Amino acid sequence: WDRVDLRQNVIYLDAEHNKSRQRQSVPLNSTARAALVRRAAFRAAHCPDAAWVFCEKSGPPIQSIRKAFNPACQRAGIR
């Protein structure tokens, strides 16, 4: 969360997090911003001390999407 700036609609990537080894920023479109706002609300409700954007209700980072992928496909009607 310390690299997400919702006021400026940008995510900052430090030098060690990208191939060019230079600090960069990634602009957020409205869909990405809305997703991050929802994650911020989730964090506030379930794990306010978590440092991760994608974390479980108890706070640790999500390690795999496999558990959630199949139920999400079923809800969307995707086989």
C-alpha atoms as a PDB file:
ATOM      1  CA  TRP A   1       0.000   0.000   0.000  1.00  0.00           C
ATOM      2  CA  ASP A   2       2.919   2.342   0.474  1.00  0.00           C
ATOM      3  CA  ARG A   3       3.424   2.385  -3.321  1.00  0.00           C
ATOM      4  CA  VAL A   4      -0.237   3.051  -4.204  1.00  0.00           C
ATOM      5  CA  ASP A   5      -1.316   6.687  -4.559  1.00  0.00           C
ATOM      6  CA  LEU A   6      -5.069   6.862  -5.091  1.00  0.00           C
ATOM      7  CA  ARG A   7      -5.066  10.675  -5.032  1.00  0.00           C
ATOM      8  CA  GLN A   8      -2.725  10.826  -8.023  1.00  0.00           C
ATOM      9  CA  ASN A   9      -4.114   7.582  -9.559  1.00  0.00           C
ATOM     10  CA  VAL A  10      -0.701   5.981  -9.834  1.00  0.00           C
ATOM     11  CA  ILE A  11       1.340   3.045  -8.493  1.00  0.00           C
ATOM     12  CA  TYR A  12       5.031   3.632  -7.920  1.00  0.00           C
ATOM     13  CA  LEU A  13       7.565   0.928  -8.711  1.00  0.00           C
ATOM     14  CA  ASP A  14      10.894   1.223  -6.951  1.00  0.00           C
ATOM     15  CA  ALA A  15      14.072   0.465  -8.885  1.00  0.00           C
ATOM     16  CA  GLU A  16      14.384  -3.039  -7.448  1.00  0.00           C
ATOM     17  CA  HIS A  17      10.866  -3.944  -8.636  1.00  0.00           C
ATOM     18  CA  ASN A  18      11.368  -3.482 -12.357  1.00  0.00           C
ATOM     19  CA  LYS A  19      13.687  -4.541 -15.144  1.00  0.00           C
ATOM     20  CA  SER A  20      15.095  -1.084 -15.958  1.00  0.00           C
ATOM     21  CA  ARG A  21      16.284  -0.619 -12.360  1.00  0.00           C
ATOM     22  CA  GLN A  22      14.826   2.895 -12.345  1.00  0.00           C
ATOM     23  CA  ARG A  23      11.914   4.165 -10.270  1.00  0.00           C
ATOM     24  CA  GLN A  24       8.791   4.258 -12.403  1.00  0.00           C
ATOM     25  CA  SER A  25       5.113   4.973 -12.042  1.00  0.00           C
ATOM     26  CA  VAL A  26       2.130   3.178 -13.533  1.00  0.00           C
ATOM     27  CA  PRO A  27      -1.027   5.233 -14.125  1.00  0.00           C
ATOM     28  CA  LEU A  28      -4.318   3.759 -12.948  1.00  0.00           C
ATOM     29  CA  ASN A  29      -7.356   3.751 -15.189  1.00  0.00           C
ATOM     30  CA  SER A  30     -10.817   3.984 -13.622  1.00  0.00           C
ATOM     31  CA  THR A  31     -11.290   0.195 -13.505  1.00  0.00           C
ATOM     32  CA  ALA A  32      -7.957  -0.430 -11.782  1.00  0.00           C
ATOM     33  CA  ARG A  33      -8.568   2.434  -9.358  1.00  0.00           C
ATOM     34  CA  ALA A  34     -12.019   1.081  -8.477  1.00  0.00           C
ATOM     35  CA  ALA A  35     -10.522  -2.364  -7.797  1.00  0.00           C
ATOM     36  CA  LEU A  36      -7.913  -0.848  -5.483  1.00  0.00           C
ATOM     37  CA  VAL A  37     -10.554   1.199  -3.676  1.00  0.00           C
ATOM     38  CA  ARG A  38     -12.501  -2.044  -3.064  1.00  0.00           C
ATOM     39  CA  ARG A  39      -9.312  -3.710  -1.766  1.00  0.00           C
ATOM     40  CA  ALA A  40      -8.735  -0.737   0.542  1.00  0.00           C
ATOM     41  CA  ALA A  41     -12.266  -1.146   1.924  1.00  0.00           C
ATOM     42  CA  PHE A  42     -11.659  -4.882   2.410  1.00  0.00           C
ATOM     43  CA  ARG A  43      -8.420  -4.124   4.247  1.00  0.00           C
ATOM     44  CA  ALA A  44     -10.118  -1.542   6.478  1.00  0.00           C
ATOM     45  CA  ALA A  45     -12.853  -4.023   7.383  1.00  0.00           C
ATOM     46  CA  HIS A  46     -10.811  -7.203   7.858  1.00  0.00           C
ATOM     47  CA  CYS A  47      -7.065  -6.621   8.202  1.00  0.00           C
ATOM     48  CA  PRO A  48      -6.255  -2.924   8.765  1.00  0.00           C
ATOM     49  CA  ASP A  49      -2.630  -3.611   9.679  1.00  0.00           C
ATOM     50  CA  ALA A  50      -1.849  -5.655   6.556  1.00  0.00           C
ATOM     51  CA  ALA A  51       0.800  -4.191   4.268  1.00  0.00           C
ATOM     52  CA  TRP A  52      -0.432  -6.165   1.248  1.00  0.00           C
ATOM     53  CA  VAL A  53      -2.975  -5.064  -1.346  1.00  0.00           C
ATOM     54  CA  PHE A  54      -4.048  -8.666  -1.955  1.00  0.00           C
ATOM     55  CA  CYS A  55      -4.265 -10.279   1.458  1.00  0.00           C
ATOM     56  CA  GLU A  56      -6.437 -12.771   3.233  1.00  0.00           C
ATOM     57  CA  LYS A  57      -8.898 -11.670   5.917  1.00  0.00           C
ATOM     58  CA  SER A  58      -6.373 -12.620   8.584  1.00  0.00           C
ATOM     59  CA  GLY A  59      -3.695 -10.387   7.003  1.00  0.00           C
ATOM     60  CA  PRO A  60      -1.085 -12.546   5.222  1.00  0.00           C
ATOM     61  CA  PRO A  61      -0.642 -12.054   1.470  1.00  0.00           C
ATOM     62  CA  ILE A  62      -2.613 -14.244  -0.908  1.00  0.00           C
ATOM     63  CA  GLN A  63      -0.214 -16.881  -2.172  1.00  0.00           C
ATOM     64  CA  SER A  64      -2.357 -18.408  -4.904  1.00  0.00           C
ATOM     65  CA  ILE A  65      -5.592 -17.600  -6.722  1.00  0.00           C
ATOM     66  CA  ARG A  66      -6.338 -21.246  -7.430  1.00  0.00           C
ATOM     67  CA  LYS A  67      -8.826 -21.634  -4.557  1.00  0.00           C
ATOM     68  CA  ALA A  68     -10.852 -18.632  -5.704  1.00  0.00           C
ATOM     69  CA  PHE A  69     -10.580 -19.092  -9.474  1.00  0.00           C
ATOM     70  CA  ASN A  70     -12.986 -22.019  -9.931  1.00  0.00           C
ATOM     71  CA  PRO A  71     -15.791 -20.567  -7.774  1.00  0.00           C
ATOM     72  CA  ALA A  72     -15.387 -17.220  -9.584  1.00  0.00           C
ATOM     73  CA  CYS A  73     -15.741 -18.982 -12.950  1.00  0.00           C
ATOM     74  CA  GLN A  74     -18.842 -20.790 -11.726  1.00  0.00           C
ATOM     75  CA  ARG A  75     -20.432 -17.524 -10.537  1.00  0.00           C
ATOM     76  CA  ALA A  76     -19.652 -15.926 -13.916  1.00  0.00           C
ATOM     77  CA  GLY A  77     -21.079 -18.887 -15.817  1.00  0.00           C
ATOM     78  CA  ILE A  78     -17.720 -19.775 -17.380  1.00  0.00           C
ATOM     79  CA  ARG A  79     -16.920 -23.452 -17.943  1.00  0.00           C
END
